[in-house]
C-alpha atoms as a PDB file:
ATOM      1  CA  MET A   1      11.621 -18.206   6.411  1.00  0.00           C
ATOM      2  CA  SER A   2      11.091 -19.276   2.809  1.00  0.00           C
ATOM      3  CA  GLU A   3      10.439 -16.989  -0.159  1.00  0.00           C
ATOM      4  CA  LYS A   4       8.312 -17.936  -3.167  1.00  0.00           C
ATOM      5  CA  ILE A   5       7.539 -16.057  -6.363  1.00  0.00           C
ATOM      6  CA  VAL A   6       3.888 -16.731  -7.112  1.00  0.00           C
ATOM      7  CA  ASN A   7       1.221 -15.473  -9.476  1.00  0.00           C
ATOM      8  CA  PHE A   8      -2.534 -15.299  -9.855  1.00  0.00           C
ATOM      9  CA  SER A   9      -4.819 -13.736 -12.471  1.00  0.00           C
ATOM     10  CA  ASP A  10      -6.939 -10.629 -12.533  1.00  0.00           C
ATOM     11  CA  LYS A  11     -10.537 -10.717 -13.817  1.00  0.00           C
ATOM     12  CA  GLN A  12      -9.331 -10.324 -17.404  1.00  0.00           C
ATOM     13  CA  GLY A  13      -6.872 -13.194 -17.106  1.00  0.00           C
ATOM     14  CA  ARG A  14      -3.777 -10.998 -16.849  1.00  0.00           C
ATOM     15  CA  LYS A  15      -0.940 -12.226 -14.662  1.00  0.00           C
ATOM     16  CA  ILE A  16      -0.273 -10.670 -11.269  1.00  0.00           C
ATOM     17  CA  VAL A  17       3.188 -11.474  -9.875  1.00  0.00           C
ATOM     18  CA  GLY A  18       3.874 -11.522  -6.160  1.00  0.00           C
ATOM     19  CA  THR A  19       6.359 -12.550  -3.488  1.00  0.00           C
ATOM     20  CA  LEU A  20       5.250 -14.717  -0.601  1.00  0.00           C
ATOM     21  CA  LEU A  21       7.299 -15.036   2.587  1.00  0.00           C
ATOM     22  CA  LEU A  22       6.462 -17.976   4.838  1.00  0.00           C
ATOM     23  CA  PRO A  23       7.802 -18.352   8.391  1.00  0.00           C
ATOM     24  CA  GLU A  24       9.316 -21.648   9.458  1.00  0.00           C
ATOM     25  CA  GLY A  25       6.828 -24.202  10.756  1.00  0.00           C
ATOM     26  CA  ALA A  26       3.421 -25.525   9.807  1.00  0.00           C
ATOM     27  CA  GLY A  27       1.281 -22.607  10.958  1.00  0.00           C
ATOM     28  CA  PRO A  28      -1.361 -21.460  10.451  1.00  0.00           C
ATOM     29  CA  PHE A  29       0.115 -17.980  10.802  1.00  0.00           C
ATOM     30  CA  PRO A  30      -1.416 -14.512  10.652  1.00  0.00           C
ATOM     31  CA  ALA A  31      -0.791 -12.797   7.316  1.00  0.00           C
ATOM     32  CA  VAL A  32      -0.210  -9.308   5.972  1.00  0.00           C
ATOM     33  CA  VAL A  33      -0.644  -8.052   2.404  1.00  0.00           C
ATOM     34  CA  ILE A  34       1.557  -5.072   1.465  1.00  0.00           C
ATOM     35  CA  CYS A  35       0.633  -2.742  -1.419  1.00  0.00           C
ATOM     36  CA  HIS A  36       3.067  -0.447  -3.209  1.00  0.00           C
ATOM     37  CA  GLY A  37       2.243   3.098  -4.257  1.00  0.00           C
ATOM     38  CA  PHE A  38       1.823   5.063  -7.486  1.00  0.00           C
ATOM     39  CA  ARG A  39       4.532   4.097  -9.996  1.00  0.00           C
ATOM     40  CA  GLY A  40       5.993   1.706  -7.423  1.00  0.00           C
ATOM     41  CA  ASP A  41       6.541  -2.043  -7.350  1.00  0.00           C
ATOM     42  CA  ARG A  42       6.810  -4.855  -4.843  1.00  0.00           C
ATOM     43  CA  ASN A  43      10.617  -4.963  -4.893  1.00  0.00           C
ATOM     44  CA  GLN A  44      11.303  -1.442  -3.654  1.00  0.00           C
ATOM     45  CA  GLU A  45      13.841  -1.595  -0.843  1.00  0.00           C
ATOM     46  CA  ASN A  46      11.446  -0.115   1.714  1.00  0.00           C
ATOM     47  CA  LEU A  47       8.769  -2.733   1.012  1.00  0.00           C
ATOM     48  CA  THR A  48      11.099  -5.717   0.888  1.00  0.00           C
ATOM     49  CA  GLU A  49      12.682  -4.768   4.211  1.00  0.00           C
ATOM     50  CA  ILE A  50       9.308  -4.157   5.857  1.00  0.00           C
ATOM     51  CA  THR A  51       7.955  -7.511   4.710  1.00  0.00           C
ATOM     52  CA  GLU A  52      11.069  -9.400   5.758  1.00  0.00           C
ATOM     53  CA  GLU A  53      11.039  -7.812   9.207  1.00  0.00           C
ATOM     54  CA  THR A  54       7.334  -8.566   9.622  1.00  0.00           C
ATOM     55  CA  SER A  55       7.769 -12.201   8.624  1.00  0.00           C
ATOM     56  CA  LYS A  56      10.324 -12.597  11.421  1.00  0.00           C
ATOM     57  CA  LYS A  57       7.352 -12.234  13.787  1.00  0.00           C
ATOM     58  CA  ASP A  58       5.840 -15.515  12.516  1.00  0.00           C
ATOM     59  CA  ILE A  59       3.596 -13.669  10.103  1.00  0.00           C
ATOM     60  CA  VAL A  60       3.108 -14.579   6.434  1.00  0.00           C
ATOM     61  CA  THR A  61       3.702 -11.590   4.161  1.00  0.00           C
ATOM     62  CA  PHE A  62       2.536 -11.162   0.588  1.00  0.00           C
ATOM     63  CA  ARG A  63       3.458  -8.282  -1.694  1.00  0.00           C
ATOM     64  CA  PHE A  64       2.646  -8.050  -5.397  1.00  0.00           C
ATOM     65  CA  ASP A  65       2.866  -5.776  -8.436  1.00  0.00           C
ATOM     66  CA  PHE A  66      -0.220  -4.018  -9.750  1.00  0.00           C
ATOM     67  CA  THR A  67       1.510  -3.223 -13.079  1.00  0.00           C
ATOM     68  CA  LYS A  68       4.541  -3.825 -15.266  1.00  0.00           C
ATOM     69  CA  VAL A  69       7.433  -1.402 -15.752  1.00  0.00           C
ATOM     70  CA  PRO A  70       7.529  -0.751 -12.880  1.00  0.00           C
ATOM     71  CA  GLY A  71       6.616  -4.249 -11.732  1.00  0.00           C
ATOM     72  CA  GLU A  72       6.356  -7.647 -13.387  1.00  0.00           C
ATOM     73  CA  SER A  73       2.591  -8.051 -13.705  1.00  0.00           C
ATOM     74  CA  ASP A  74       0.796  -7.734 -17.041  1.00  0.00           C
ATOM     75  CA  LEU A  75      -1.164  -4.471 -16.838  1.00  0.00           C
ATOM     76  CA  PRO A  76       0.671  -1.508 -18.421  1.00  0.00           C
ATOM     77  CA  LEU A  77       1.211   1.274 -15.913  1.00  0.00           C
ATOM     78  CA  GLU A  78      -0.653   3.789 -18.078  1.00  0.00           C
ATOM     79  CA  ASP A  79      -3.878   1.740 -17.731  1.00  0.00           C
ATOM     80  CA  MET A  80      -3.790   1.546 -13.931  1.00  0.00           C
ATOM     81  CA  THR A  81      -6.657   2.935 -11.821  1.00  0.00           C
ATOM     82  CA  ILE A  82      -7.518   2.795  -8.138  1.00  0.00           C
ATOM     83  CA  THR A  83     -10.647   0.823  -9.033  1.00  0.00           C
ATOM     84  CA  TYR A  84      -8.421  -1.788 -10.665  1.00  0.00           C
ATOM     85  CA  GLU A  85      -6.075  -1.884  -7.689  1.00  0.00           C
ATOM     86  CA  LEU A  86      -8.983  -2.533  -5.323  1.00  0.00           C
ATOM     87  CA  GLU A  87     -10.141  -5.409  -7.542  1.00  0.00           C
ATOM     88  CA  VAL A  88      -6.659  -6.926  -7.568  1.00  0.00           C
ATOM     89  CA  LEU A  89      -6.249  -6.508  -3.815  1.00  0.00           C
ATOM     90  CA  ASP A  90      -9.470  -8.450  -3.321  1.00  0.00           C
ATOM     91  CA  LEU A  91      -8.168 -11.225  -5.583  1.00  0.00           C
ATOM     92  CA  ALA A  92      -4.830 -11.203  -3.751  1.00  0.00           C
ATOM     93  CA  LEU A  93      -6.620 -11.781  -0.463  1.00  0.00           C
ATOM     94  CA  ASP A  94      -8.600 -14.652  -1.991  1.00  0.00           C
ATOM     95  CA  PHE A  95      -5.308 -16.143  -3.190  1.00  0.00           C
ATOM     96  CA  LEU A  96      -3.729 -15.711   0.232  1.00  0.00           C
ATOM     97  CA  ARG A  97      -6.604 -17.350   2.103  1.00  0.00           C
ATOM     98  CA  LYS A  98      -6.143 -20.541   0.062  1.00  0.00           C
ATOM     99  CA  ILE A  99      -2.589 -21.022   1.359  1.00  0.00           C
ATOM    100  CA  PRO A 100      -2.593 -23.717   4.095  1.00  0.00           C
ATOM    101  CA  GLU A 101      -0.093 -21.846   6.284  1.00  0.00           C
ATOM    102  CA  VAL A 102      -2.386 -18.790   6.544  1.00  0.00           C
ATOM    103  CA  ASN A 103      -4.813 -18.163   9.391  1.00  0.00           C
ATOM    104  CA  LYS A 104      -7.766 -16.788   7.428  1.00  0.00           C
ATOM    105  CA  ASP A 105      -9.169 -15.018  10.491  1.00  0.00           C
ATOM    106  CA  LYS A 106      -6.034 -12.939  11.161  1.00  0.00           C
ATOM    107  CA  ILE A 107      -5.192 -10.883   8.097  1.00  0.00           C
ATOM    108  CA  GLY A 108      -3.815  -7.341   8.029  1.00  0.00           C
ATOM    109  CA  LEU A 109      -3.026  -4.823   5.305  1.00  0.00           C
ATOM    110  CA  ALA A 110      -0.229  -2.319   4.775  1.00  0.00           C
ATOM    111  CA  GLY A 111       0.036   0.248   2.014  1.00  0.00           C
ATOM    112  CA  HIS A 112       2.611   2.822   0.963  1.00  0.00           C
ATOM    113  CA  SER A 113       1.657   6.215  -0.491  1.00  0.00           C
ATOM    114  CA  LEU A 114      -1.310   5.768  -2.862  1.00  0.00           C
ATOM    115  CA  GLY A 115      -1.285   2.119  -1.779  1.00  0.00           C
ATOM    116  CA  GLY A 116      -2.144   3.429   1.677  1.00  0.00           C
ATOM    117  CA  LEU A 117      -5.327   4.992   0.335  1.00  0.00           C
ATOM    118  CA  VAL A 118      -6.142   1.708  -1.413  1.00  0.00           C
ATOM    119  CA  VAL A 119      -5.783  -0.452   1.701  1.00  0.00           C
ATOM    120  CA  ALA A 120      -7.619   2.086   3.888  1.00  0.00           C
ATOM    121  CA  TRP A 121     -10.547   2.163   1.462  1.00  0.00           C
ATOM    122  CA  TYR A 122     -10.584  -1.635   1.335  1.00  0.00           C
ATOM    123  CA  ALA A 123     -10.382  -2.088   5.105  1.00  0.00           C
ATOM    124  CA  ALA A 124     -13.233   0.389   5.623  1.00  0.00           C
ATOM    125  CA  ALA A 125     -15.478  -1.850   3.506  1.00  0.00           C
ATOM    126  CA  HIS A 126     -14.215  -5.177   4.892  1.00  0.00           C
ATOM    127  CA  PRO A 127     -14.480  -5.557   8.665  1.00  0.00           C
ATOM    128  CA  GLU A 128     -12.739  -8.924   8.427  1.00  0.00           C
ATOM    129  CA  ILE A 129      -9.428  -7.035   8.051  1.00  0.00           C
ATOM    130  CA  LYS A 130      -7.935  -7.174  11.536  1.00  0.00           C
ATOM    131  CA  SER A 131      -5.170  -4.570  11.381  1.00  0.00           C
ATOM    132  CA  LEU A 132      -3.878  -1.790   9.147  1.00  0.00           C
ATOM    133  CA  THR A 133      -0.613   0.088   8.632  1.00  0.00           C
ATOM    134  CA  LEU A 134      -0.537   3.248   6.512  1.00  0.00           C
ATOM    135  CA  LEU A 135       2.923   4.238   5.274  1.00  0.00           C
ATOM    136  CA  SER A 136       3.224   7.834   4.035  1.00  0.00           C
ATOM    137  CA  ALA A 137      -0.351   7.276   2.913  1.00  0.00           C
ATOM    138  CA  VAL A 138      -2.456   9.553   0.736  1.00  0.00           C
ATOM    139  CA  TYR A 139      -5.691  10.691   2.397  1.00  0.00           C
ATOM    140  CA  ASN A 140      -6.980  13.132  -0.219  1.00  0.00           C
ATOM    141  CA  PHE A 141      -5.931  12.387  -3.797  1.00  0.00           C
ATOM    142  CA  LEU A 142      -6.480  15.848  -5.278  1.00  0.00           C
ATOM    143  CA  ILE A 143      -4.513  17.578  -2.532  1.00  0.00           C
ATOM    144  CA  MET A 144      -1.638  15.145  -3.023  1.00  0.00           C
ATOM    145  CA  TRP A 145      -1.747  15.465  -6.823  1.00  0.00           C
ATOM    146  CA  ASN A 146      -1.737  19.248  -6.867  1.00  0.00           C
ATOM    147  CA  HIS A 147       1.080  19.345  -4.314  1.00  0.00           C
ATOM    148  CA  ARG A 148       3.190  16.804  -6.171  1.00  0.00           C
ATOM    149  CA  TYR A 149       2.379  17.292  -9.866  1.00  0.00           C
ATOM    150  CA  GLY A 150       0.447  20.551 -10.118  1.00  0.00           C
ATOM    151  CA  GLU A 151      -2.788  21.496 -11.792  1.00  0.00           C
ATOM    152  CA  GLU A 152      -1.025  21.924 -15.129  1.00  0.00           C
ATOM    153  CA  THR A 153      -0.308  18.189 -15.334  1.00  0.00           C
ATOM    154  CA  ALA A 154      -3.979  17.428 -14.716  1.00  0.00           C
ATOM    155  CA  LYS A 155      -4.952  19.951 -17.408  1.00  0.00           C
ATOM    156  CA  GLU A 156      -2.530  18.312 -19.844  1.00  0.00           C
ATOM    157  CA  MET A 157      -4.061  14.918 -19.110  1.00  0.00           C
ATOM    158  CA  GLN A 158      -7.545  16.184 -19.773  1.00  0.00           C
ATOM    159  CA  GLU A 159      -6.544  17.917 -23.012  1.00  0.00           C
ATOM    160  CA  LYS A 160      -4.361  15.156 -24.483  1.00  0.00           C
ATOM    161  CA  GLY A 161      -5.834  12.111 -22.779  1.00  0.00           C
ATOM    162  CA  PHE A 162      -2.507  11.412 -21.081  1.00  0.00           C
ATOM    163  CA  ALA A 163       0.546  13.046 -19.513  1.00  0.00           C
ATOM    164  CA  MET A 164       4.204  12.092 -19.259  1.00  0.00           C
ATOM    165  CA  ILE A 165       5.315  12.171 -15.618  1.00  0.00           C
ATOM    166  CA  TYR A 166       9.008  12.094 -14.787  1.00  0.00           C
ATOM    167  CA  SER A 167      10.229   9.297 -12.528  1.00  0.00           C
ATOM    168  CA  THR A 168      13.360  10.084 -10.536  1.00  0.00           C
ATOM    169  CA  ARG A 169      13.677   6.375  -9.803  1.00  0.00           C
ATOM    170  CA  PHE A 170      13.763   5.352 -13.477  1.00  0.00           C
ATOM    171  CA  LYS A 171      15.189   8.671 -14.710  1.00  0.00           C
ATOM    172  CA  ARG A 172      12.664   8.939 -17.523  1.00  0.00           C
ATOM    173  CA  ASP A 173       9.071   9.924 -18.206  1.00  0.00           C
ATOM    174  CA  LEU A 174       6.284   7.435 -17.607  1.00  0.00           C
ATOM    175  CA  LYS A 175       2.937   7.713 -19.399  1.00  0.00           C
ATOM    176  CA  MET A 176      -0.302   8.005 -17.422  1.00  0.00           C
ATOM    177  CA  LYS A 177      -3.721   8.164 -19.062  1.00  0.00           C
ATOM    178  CA  VAL A 178      -6.423  10.568 -17.968  1.00  0.00           C
ATOM    179  CA  GLY A 179      -8.540   7.623 -16.810  1.00  0.00           C
ATOM    180  CA  PHE A 180      -6.302   7.247 -13.788  1.00  0.00           C
ATOM    181  CA  TYR A 181      -6.793  10.867 -12.732  1.00  0.00           C
ATOM    182  CA  GLU A 182     -10.550  10.783 -13.283  1.00  0.00           C
ATOM    183  CA  ASP A 183     -11.004   7.479 -11.482  1.00  0.00           C
ATOM    184  CA  ALA A 184      -8.896   8.495  -8.474  1.00  0.00           C
ATOM    185  CA  GLN A 185     -11.151  11.431  -7.696  1.00  0.00           C
ATOM    186  CA  LYS A 186     -13.937   9.008  -6.754  1.00  0.00           C
ATOM    187  CA  TYR A 187     -11.930   7.782  -3.780  1.00  0.00           C
ATOM    188  CA  ASP A 188     -12.266  10.403  -1.072  1.00  0.00           C
ATOM    189  CA  ILE A 189     -11.464   8.666   2.216  1.00  0.00           C
ATOM    190  CA  ASP A 190     -13.889  10.983   4.012  1.00  0.00           C
ATOM    191  CA  GLN A 191     -16.668   8.981   2.335  1.00  0.00           C
ATOM    192  CA  VAL A 192     -15.697   5.790   4.196  1.00  0.00           C
ATOM    193  CA  ILE A 193     -13.636   6.891   7.205  1.00  0.00           C
ATOM    194  CA  ASP A 194     -16.509   6.307   9.637  1.00  0.00           C
ATOM    195  CA  THR A 195     -16.261   2.545   9.073  1.00  0.00           C
ATOM    196  CA  LEU A 196     -12.483   2.321   9.398  1.00  0.00           C
ATOM    197  CA  THR A 197     -12.537   0.728  12.842  1.00  0.00           C
ATOM    198  CA  CYS A 198      -9.717  -1.849  12.856  1.00  0.00           C
ATOM    199  CA  PRO A 199      -6.433  -1.084  14.678  1.00  0.00           C
ATOM    200  CA  ILE A 200      -4.470   1.475  12.637  1.00  0.00           C
ATOM    201  CA  LEU A 201      -0.803   2.469  12.674  1.00  0.00           C
ATOM    202  CA  VAL A 202      -0.079   5.632  10.663  1.00  0.00           C
ATOM    203  CA  ILE A 203       3.552   6.371   9.757  1.00  0.00           C
ATOM    204  CA  ALA A 204       4.784   9.591   8.145  1.00  0.00           C
ATOM    205  CA  GLY A 205       8.102  11.354   7.578  1.00  0.00           C
ATOM    206  CA  THR A 206       8.792  14.982   8.345  1.00  0.00           C
ATOM    207  CA  GLU A 207      10.701  15.446   5.051  1.00  0.00           C
ATOM    208  CA  ASP A 208       8.188  13.663   2.808  1.00  0.00           C
ATOM    209  CA  GLU A 209       8.336  15.447  -0.536  1.00  0.00           C
ATOM    210  CA  ALA A 210       5.223  13.736  -1.954  1.00  0.00           C
ATOM    211  CA  VAL A 211       2.622  13.364   0.821  1.00  0.00           C
ATOM    212  CA  THR A 212       2.468  16.054   3.486  1.00  0.00           C
ATOM    213  CA  LEU A 213       1.989  15.324   7.185  1.00  0.00           C
ATOM    214  CA  ASP A 214      -1.607  16.531   7.223  1.00  0.00           C
ATOM    215  CA  HIS A 215      -2.656  13.369   5.368  1.00  0.00           C
ATOM    216  CA  ALA A 216      -1.407  11.259   8.283  1.00  0.00           C
ATOM    217  CA  GLN A 217      -3.066  13.542  10.800  1.00  0.00           C
ATOM    218  CA  HIS A 218      -6.405  13.236   9.007  1.00  0.00           C
ATOM    219  CA  TYR A 219      -6.273   9.436   9.314  1.00  0.00           C
ATOM    220  CA  LEU A 220      -5.476   9.677  13.006  1.00  0.00           C
ATOM    221  CA  ASP A 221      -8.099  12.323  13.788  1.00  0.00           C
ATOM    222  CA  ARG A 222     -10.992  11.010  11.698  1.00  0.00           C
ATOM    223  CA  ALA A 223     -10.806   7.211  11.905  1.00  0.00           C
ATOM    224  CA  PRO A 224     -13.054   5.954  14.743  1.00  0.00           C
ATOM    225  CA  SER A 225     -10.738   3.048  15.585  1.00  0.00           C
ATOM    226  CA  LEU A 226     -10.243   2.597  19.320  1.00  0.00           C
ATOM    227  CA  GLN A 227      -6.664   1.421  18.731  1.00  0.00           C
ATOM    228  CA  LYS A 228      -4.712   3.840  16.590  1.00  0.00           C
ATOM    229  CA  GLU A 229      -1.256   5.404  16.644  1.00  0.00           C
ATOM    230  CA  LEU A 230       0.628   8.030  14.664  1.00  0.00           C
ATOM    231  CA  LYS A 231       4.391   7.597  14.342  1.00  0.00           C
ATOM    232  CA  ILE A 232       6.340  10.518  12.925  1.00  0.00           C
ATOM    233  CA  ILE A 233       9.792   9.644  11.567  1.00  0.00           C
ATOM    234  CA  ARG A 234      12.037  12.679  11.960  1.00  0.00           C
ATOM    235  CA  GLY A 235      14.027  13.453   8.815  1.00  0.00           C
ATOM    236  CA  ALA A 236      12.378  10.700   6.757  1.00  0.00           C
ATOM    237  CA  ASP A 237      11.528  11.230   3.090  1.00  0.00           C
ATOM    238  CA  HIS A 238       8.683   9.542   1.224  1.00  0.00           C
ATOM    239  CA  ASN A 239      10.483   6.223   0.728  1.00  0.00           C
ATOM    240  CA  TYR A 240      12.594   6.161   3.952  1.00  0.00           C
ATOM    241  CA  THR A 241      15.805   6.126   1.950  1.00  0.00           C
ATOM    242  CA  ASP A 242      17.987   6.817   4.992  1.00  0.00           C
ATOM    243  CA  PRO A 243      18.793   3.373   6.494  1.00  0.00           C
ATOM    244  CA  LYS A 244      18.191   4.684  10.025  1.00  0.00           C
ATOM    245  CA  ASN A 245      14.712   5.851   9.046  1.00  0.00           C
ATOM    246  CA  LEU A 246      13.895   2.567   7.342  1.00  0.00           C
ATOM    247  CA  GLU A 247      15.091   0.626  10.374  1.00  0.00           C
ATOM    248  CA  GLU A 248      12.700   2.619  12.553  1.00  0.00           C
ATOM    249  CA  VAL A 249       9.815   2.134  10.122  1.00  0.00           C
ATOM    250  CA  LYS A 250      10.209  -1.594   9.579  1.00  0.00           C
ATOM    251  CA  THR A 251      10.562  -2.241  13.314  1.00  0.00           C
ATOM    252  CA  ALA A 252       7.422  -0.250  14.043  1.00  0.00           C
ATOM    253  CA  VAL A 253       5.428  -2.095  11.355  1.00  0.00           C
ATOM    254  CA  ALA A 254       6.563  -5.545  12.463  1.00  0.00           C
ATOM    255  CA  ASP A 255       5.875  -4.786  16.125  1.00  0.00           C
ATOM    256  CA  TRP A 256       2.428  -3.391  15.279  1.00  0.00           C
ATOM    257  CA  PHE A 257       1.327  -6.466  13.381  1.00  0.00           C
ATOM    258  CA  GLU A 258       2.771  -8.743  16.048  1.00  0.00           C
ATOM    259  CA  LYS A 259       0.721  -6.886  18.643  1.00  0.00           C
ATOM    260  CA  THR A 260      -2.532  -6.697  16.687  1.00  0.00           C
ATOM    261  CA  LEU A 261      -2.472 -10.031  14.830  1.00  0.00           C
ATOM    262  CA  ASN A 262      -0.385 -12.423  16.907  1.00  0.00           C
ATOM    263  CA  ASN A 263      -1.498 -11.047  20.263  1.00  0.00           C
ATOM    264  CA  PRO A 264      -4.881  -9.349  19.763  1.00  0.00           C
END
């Protein structure tokens, strides 16, 4: 396969940086877009390994950064919202469909953590999406936020207009504006779950410190898709940092997209 660093622009002309993996051959190939989560970026080890494994199945993969620091795109992290991420995902799909090696009729989405909520919301509104994988995905934002950050952080945001949230990955605080918190509350998956009908693979870890297992169970129980599976990874944390867990996850994702995109 070949790897290319590419970029496109958001509606305000800001640069979005992504990584495109193309299988060998002329194609056209099915394609999968992978979205990172809150305070994540496209080059996290879990996402790079998942995309590389998926591309081995003769599938184009495209992952990109919504923000900078973390990420290499232009939007500052503190200005990020779910509404913005949905806009950029739509533009990313437009960009992908213009690539000659891509089969425009066989496109899937994968999303990690809050990125899982983003791709689920998008797929519910776009029946042209043929397959979906949700990785430790958020179902209800407020439940996740209160579990992970507590009501006090939300109160601080509302009083100050922002909050500093510690990142164990970067070992420092990262600033988030209240606009993110207010915007995210508009995206309750229960509002759109009835139209989430494409094949869905839901993956969750039993030791996930950020998103509890009930989020995964809600996706499985409430989505009307006729082809859906829940895969529980025993001992896995939110980012599948144990190599054995990540091996299990990336194999499951690649096999799922091979089954639902290459051999529908």
